[in-house]
Amino acid sequence: MSLAGAEGSEVALVSSASETARFGHSVERMSVGDDWRHAFTRLGLSERLKELLDASDAQTIILRYPSDSAFVVKDLGAHGRSLFPAGSLLYWEHVGRTPPRPADVRVLQSPGIDPGSLSEIQSLIADSFSNYKNHYAVNPLLDEAAVTEGYLEWAEATALAADNRVFVVSAGGKAVGVATVECPPDSLYWEVQLAGIVTSAQGEGVYSRLMTAVVATAHSAGVKRVVISTQAHNIRVQRAWTRLGFVPFGSIETVHLVRPDS
């Protein structure tokens, strides 16, 4: 979930066409913004969520809400659905000094990303995330192969979106590390959407050079804040972020609400 989606006071339920097509059954996403208190009381929020659930026929609803609002699930209950807790998503931001930019990291930007480069990026992401367990893993209805396909779709969408940038580290003529970064014009921050290293190059400092290049490039563009997120269980990457000058600043919870007749 992007930082923009996690912030604000909006409470929303929207259909997810991409996930519905990928998994072969209807999927909707329900989100509670971190500043929900500006628009709702606790009771009002709970009632609004129940209204949204009552109006939905989706087989799976992916609900996300701020970790400091744990009452959401307590007040809501499963509301006639099977409830699968899917863990916490932690947000980190860079607060260190501006690092020197590594010379061996390329920066690509659409429309300058050719089909060959896109295919290479997708292959790298598929390899990097092949054994990663995200929130989808808790839902018994979702096929694991389809989850992997989701990463490829995400890589393509974030790589080709206008204004975004793709950072690539190569070795031996092949890409070994890639990060897709959302860079909205006039934004106060850049957000790393996906960052991965091929398994054969992990532990060789590639990730450090990749993330250092993202931070250095953002700072040179006048953007002083770089944010990134991961599942709470992904301790290894969070250790790397600590070494690179990142600190945690927020978290959200994820649950899957599955219709019993699905």
Protein backbone atom coordinates (compact mmCIF):
# COMPACT_ATOMS: atom_id res chain seq x y z
CA MET A 1 0.00 0.00 0.00
CA SER A 2 1.47 3.33 -1.04
CA LEU A 3 2.06 6.03 1.55
CA ALA A 4 -0.48 8.26 -0.18
CA GLY A 5 -3.11 5.57 0.35
CA ALA A 6 -2.20 5.12 4.00
CA GLU A 7 -2.36 8.81 4.90
CA GLY A 8 -5.35 11.14 5.03
CA SER A 9 -8.78 10.70 6.57
CA GLU A 10 -10.46 8.80 3.75
CA VAL A 11 -12.35 5.56 4.41
CA ALA A 12 -13.00 3.80 1.13
CA LEU A 13 -13.94 0.52 -0.54
CA VAL A 14 -12.87 0.12 -4.16
CA SER A 15 -12.87 -2.79 -6.55
CA SER A 16 -9.51 -4.15 -7.71
CA ALA A 17 -9.80 -5.10 -11.37
CA SER A 18 -6.21 -6.34 -11.58
CA GLU A 19 -6.49 -8.64 -8.56
CA THR A 20 -9.93 -9.86 -9.63
CA ALA A 21 -8.55 -10.85 -13.03
CA ARG A 22 -5.39 -12.37 -11.57
CA PHE A 23 -7.01 -14.53 -8.91
CA GLY A 24 -10.19 -15.42 -10.76
CA HIS A 25 -12.64 -14.13 -8.16
CA SER A 26 -13.84 -10.71 -7.05
CA VAL A 27 -11.44 -8.70 -4.89
CA GLU A 28 -12.04 -5.30 -3.30
CA ARG A 29 -9.80 -3.17 -1.12
CA MET A 30 -11.01 -1.33 1.97
CA SER A 31 -8.74 1.29 3.50
CA VAL A 32 -8.80 3.49 6.57
CA GLY A 33 -6.58 6.57 6.35
CA ASP A 34 -4.23 7.35 9.21
CA ASP A 35 -6.05 10.63 9.93
CA TRP A 36 -9.53 9.04 10.09
CA ARG A 37 -10.21 10.88 13.39
CA HIS A 38 -10.57 14.12 11.46
CA ALA A 39 -13.70 12.75 9.79
CA PHE A 40 -15.09 10.13 12.18
CA THR A 41 -15.61 9.18 15.79
CA ARG A 42 -14.69 5.61 16.71
CA LEU A 43 -18.36 4.59 16.54
CA GLY A 44 -18.83 6.47 13.30
CA LEU A 45 -15.86 4.73 11.73
CA SER A 46 -17.09 1.29 12.75
CA GLU A 47 -20.57 2.01 11.41
CA ARG A 48 -19.15 3.26 8.12
CA LEU A 49 -17.05 0.12 7.68
CA LYS A 50 -20.09 -2.07 8.36
CA GLU A 51 -22.08 -0.14 5.77
CA LEU A 52 -19.37 -0.71 3.19
CA LEU A 53 -19.16 -4.40 3.98
CA ASP A 54 -22.93 -4.82 3.78
CA ALA A 55 -22.92 -3.24 0.33
CA SER A 56 -20.16 -5.51 -1.01
CA ASP A 57 -20.52 -8.87 -2.79
CA ALA A 58 -16.76 -9.32 -3.23
CA GLN A 59 -15.42 -12.75 -2.39
CA THR A 60 -12.31 -11.22 -0.80
CA ILE A 61 -12.00 -7.79 0.82
CA ILE A 62 -8.47 -6.70 1.75
CA LEU A 63 -8.83 -4.35 4.71
CA ARG A 64 -6.00 -2.08 5.81
CA TYR A 65 -6.03 0.27 8.77
CA PRO A 66 -3.50 2.09 11.04
CA SER A 67 -1.81 -0.16 13.59
CA ASP A 68 -2.70 2.25 16.39
CA SER A 69 -6.40 1.72 15.59
CA ALA A 70 -6.51 -1.95 16.58
CA PHE A 71 -10.14 -1.61 17.66
CA VAL A 72 -11.19 -1.68 13.98
CA VAL A 73 -11.30 -5.47 13.80
CA LYS A 74 -12.67 -5.77 17.34
CA ASP A 75 -15.57 -3.44 16.61
CA LEU A 76 -16.18 -4.73 13.12
CA GLY A 77 -15.74 -8.44 13.79
CA ALA A 78 -15.69 -10.69 10.74
CA HIS A 79 -19.17 -9.31 9.92
CA GLY A 80 -20.33 -12.56 8.35
CA ARG A 81 -16.99 -13.34 6.72
CA SER A 82 -13.97 -15.48 7.51
CA LEU A 83 -11.20 -13.24 8.86
CA PHE A 84 -7.52 -13.91 8.11
CA PRO A 85 -4.97 -11.60 9.84
CA ALA A 86 -2.24 -10.85 7.32
CA GLY A 87 0.38 -8.95 9.35
CA SER A 88 1.79 -5.44 9.56
CA LEU A 89 3.24 -3.24 6.84
CA LEU A 90 6.00 -0.97 8.17
CA TYR A 91 6.98 2.37 6.63
CA TRP A 92 10.54 3.71 6.81
CA GLU A 93 12.08 6.99 5.69
CA HIS A 94 15.64 8.17 5.09
CA VAL A 95 16.88 10.75 7.58
CA GLY A 96 20.64 10.57 7.08
CA ARG A 97 23.01 12.81 5.18
CA THR A 98 23.02 12.99 1.40
CA PRO A 99 25.24 10.09 0.24
CA PRO A 100 27.47 10.17 -2.82
CA ARG A 101 25.74 8.58 -5.80
CA PRO A 102 27.29 5.26 -6.94
CA ALA A 103 28.53 5.57 -10.52
CA ASP A 104 27.46 2.08 -11.56
CA VAL A 105 23.70 2.58 -11.08
CA ARG A 106 21.67 3.48 -14.18
CA VAL A 107 18.48 5.52 -13.98
CA LEU A 108 15.77 4.76 -16.53
CA GLN A 109 12.54 6.63 -17.13
CA SER A 110 9.53 5.99 -19.37
CA PRO A 111 9.25 6.29 -22.37
CA GLY A 112 12.93 5.41 -22.53
CA ILE A 113 12.40 1.85 -21.21
CA ASP A 114 12.46 -0.59 -24.13
CA PRO A 115 10.71 -4.00 -24.09
CA GLY A 116 14.00 -5.80 -23.52
CA SER A 117 14.81 -3.74 -20.42
CA LEU A 118 11.27 -4.21 -19.09
CA SER A 119 11.53 -7.98 -19.55
CA GLU A 120 14.87 -7.97 -17.72
CA ILE A 121 13.36 -5.96 -14.85
CA GLN A 122 10.43 -8.37 -14.54
CA SER A 123 12.68 -11.44 -14.58
CA LEU A 124 14.81 -9.93 -11.83
CA ILE A 125 11.77 -9.11 -9.69
CA ALA A 126 10.36 -12.62 -10.17
CA ASP A 127 13.64 -14.15 -9.00
CA SER A 128 14.08 -11.75 -6.07
CA PHE A 129 10.54 -12.24 -4.70
CA SER A 130 10.17 -15.95 -5.50
CA ASN A 131 10.21 -17.02 -1.83
CA TYR A 132 8.82 -13.85 -0.25
CA LYS A 133 5.63 -14.27 1.77
CA ASN A 134 3.35 -11.26 1.68
CA HIS A 135 -0.20 -10.70 2.93
CA TYR A 136 -1.73 -12.80 0.13
CA ALA A 137 -0.24 -15.95 1.68
CA VAL A 138 -2.89 -16.05 4.45
CA ASN A 139 -5.80 -16.33 2.02
CA PRO A 140 -6.56 -19.97 1.08
CA LEU A 141 -8.39 -18.88 -2.07
CA LEU A 142 -5.36 -17.28 -3.70
CA ASP A 143 -3.02 -19.23 -5.96
CA GLU A 144 0.67 -18.71 -5.19
CA ALA A 145 1.61 -18.58 -8.87
CA ALA A 146 -0.88 -15.75 -9.36
CA VAL A 147 0.75 -13.85 -6.49
CA THR A 148 4.07 -13.96 -8.38
CA GLU A 149 2.30 -12.68 -11.50
CA GLY A 150 1.16 -9.75 -9.40
CA TYR A 151 4.76 -8.70 -8.79
CA LEU A 152 5.41 -8.72 -12.54
CA GLU A 153 2.35 -6.54 -13.15
CA TRP A 154 3.43 -4.21 -10.35
CA ALA A 155 6.96 -3.96 -11.77
CA GLU A 156 5.62 -3.08 -15.22
CA ALA A 157 3.08 -0.56 -13.94
CA THR A 158 5.53 1.27 -11.70
CA ALA A 159 8.34 1.19 -14.25
CA LEU A 160 6.27 2.62 -17.10
CA ALA A 161 4.24 5.19 -15.16
CA ALA A 162 4.93 8.79 -16.09
CA ASP A 163 7.48 10.59 -13.88
CA ASN A 164 8.60 7.38 -12.16
CA ARG A 165 12.23 6.26 -12.25
CA VAL A 166 13.84 2.83 -12.40
CA PHE A 167 17.27 2.30 -10.84
CA VAL A 168 19.33 -0.59 -12.19
CA VAL A 169 22.61 -2.14 -11.02
CA SER A 170 24.29 -4.40 -13.59
CA ALA A 171 27.13 -6.92 -13.43
CA GLY A 172 28.54 -8.92 -16.31
CA GLY A 173 26.17 -7.20 -18.70
CA LYS A 174 23.05 -8.27 -16.79
CA ALA A 175 20.82 -6.46 -14.33
CA VAL A 176 21.35 -7.78 -10.80
CA GLY A 177 19.43 -5.16 -8.82
CA VAL A 178 16.44 -2.95 -9.58
CA ALA A 179 14.26 -0.42 -7.77
CA THR A 180 11.11 1.20 -9.16
CA VAL A 181 10.45 4.57 -7.57
CA GLU A 182 7.33 6.72 -7.62
CA CYS A 183 8.36 10.34 -8.19
CA PRO A 184 5.25 12.56 -8.44
CA PRO A 185 5.93 16.09 -9.71
CA ASP A 186 6.10 18.67 -6.92
CA SER A 187 5.88 15.91 -4.29
CA LEU A 188 7.64 16.25 -0.95
CA TYR A 189 8.81 12.65 -1.12
CA TRP A 190 9.76 9.79 -3.43
CA GLU A 191 8.50 6.31 -2.61
CA VAL A 192 10.32 3.10 -3.48
CA GLN A 193 7.64 0.71 -4.75
CA LEU A 194 9.73 -2.37 -5.52
CA ALA A 195 13.39 -3.13 -4.84
CA GLY A 196 14.99 -6.49 -5.48
CA ILE A 197 18.29 -8.26 -6.03
CA VAL A 198 18.74 -11.51 -7.97
CA THR A 199 19.42 -14.35 -5.55
CA SER A 200 22.87 -15.02 -7.07
CA ALA A 201 24.03 -11.48 -6.19
CA GLN A 202 22.51 -11.10 -2.73
CA GLY A 203 24.95 -10.35 0.07
CA GLU A 204 27.40 -8.60 -2.27
CA GLY A 205 26.52 -4.97 -1.51
CA VAL A 206 24.26 -4.51 -4.54
CA TYR A 207 21.25 -3.50 -2.45
CA SER A 208 23.24 -0.86 -0.60
CA ARG A 209 24.44 0.73 -3.87
CA LEU A 210 20.93 0.60 -5.28
CA MET A 211 19.25 2.34 -2.36
CA THR A 212 22.08 4.84 -1.98
CA ALA A 213 21.57 5.83 -5.61
CA VAL A 214 17.83 6.35 -5.01
CA VAL A 215 18.45 8.63 -2.02
CA ALA A 216 21.25 10.58 -3.70
CA THR A 217 19.21 11.13 -6.87
CA ALA A 218 16.17 12.27 -4.88
CA HIS A 219 18.24 14.76 -2.92
CA SER A 220 19.86 16.12 -6.08
CA ALA A 221 16.34 16.68 -7.45
CA GLY A 222 15.46 18.70 -4.34
CA VAL A 223 13.43 15.92 -2.69
CA LYS A 224 14.74 15.29 0.82
CA ARG A 225 12.37 12.51 1.86
CA VAL A 226 12.58 8.93 0.54
CA VAL A 227 10.14 6.35 1.92
CA ILE A 228 9.83 2.57 1.56
CA SER A 229 7.74 -0.18 3.17
CA THR A 230 7.79 -3.91 3.84
CA GLN A 231 6.06 -6.64 5.82
CA ALA A 232 7.09 -6.63 9.50
CA HIS A 233 8.57 -10.12 9.24
CA ASN A 234 11.10 -8.99 6.62
CA ILE A 235 13.84 -8.35 9.18
CA ARG A 236 16.80 -8.70 6.84
CA VAL A 237 15.89 -5.74 4.65
CA GLN A 238 15.03 -3.58 7.66
CA ARG A 239 18.52 -4.18 9.04
CA ALA A 240 19.89 -2.96 5.71
CA TRP A 241 17.71 0.15 5.87
CA THR A 242 18.99 0.94 9.36
CA ARG A 243 22.59 0.82 8.11
CA LEU A 244 21.64 3.14 5.23
CA GLY A 245 20.13 5.84 7.47
CA PHE A 246 16.44 4.91 7.36
CA VAL A 247 14.15 4.93 10.42
CA PRO A 248 10.60 3.55 10.89
CA PHE A 249 7.77 6.08 11.16
CA GLY A 250 4.46 4.26 10.73
CA SER A 251 2.63 0.99 10.23
CA ILE A 252 -0.69 -0.42 9.05
CA GLU A 253 -2.44 -3.74 9.59
CA THR A 254 -3.85 -5.99 6.90
CA VAL A 255 -6.66 -8.53 7.17
CA HIS A 256 -8.44 -10.53 4.48
CA LEU A 257 -12.22 -10.81 4.85
CA VAL A 258 -13.45 -13.79 2.82
CA ARG A 259 -17.07 -14.51 1.99
CA PRO A 260 -17.99 -17.93 3.44
CA ASP A 261 -19.53 -19.23 0.19
CA SER A 262 -16.36 -18.47 -1.81
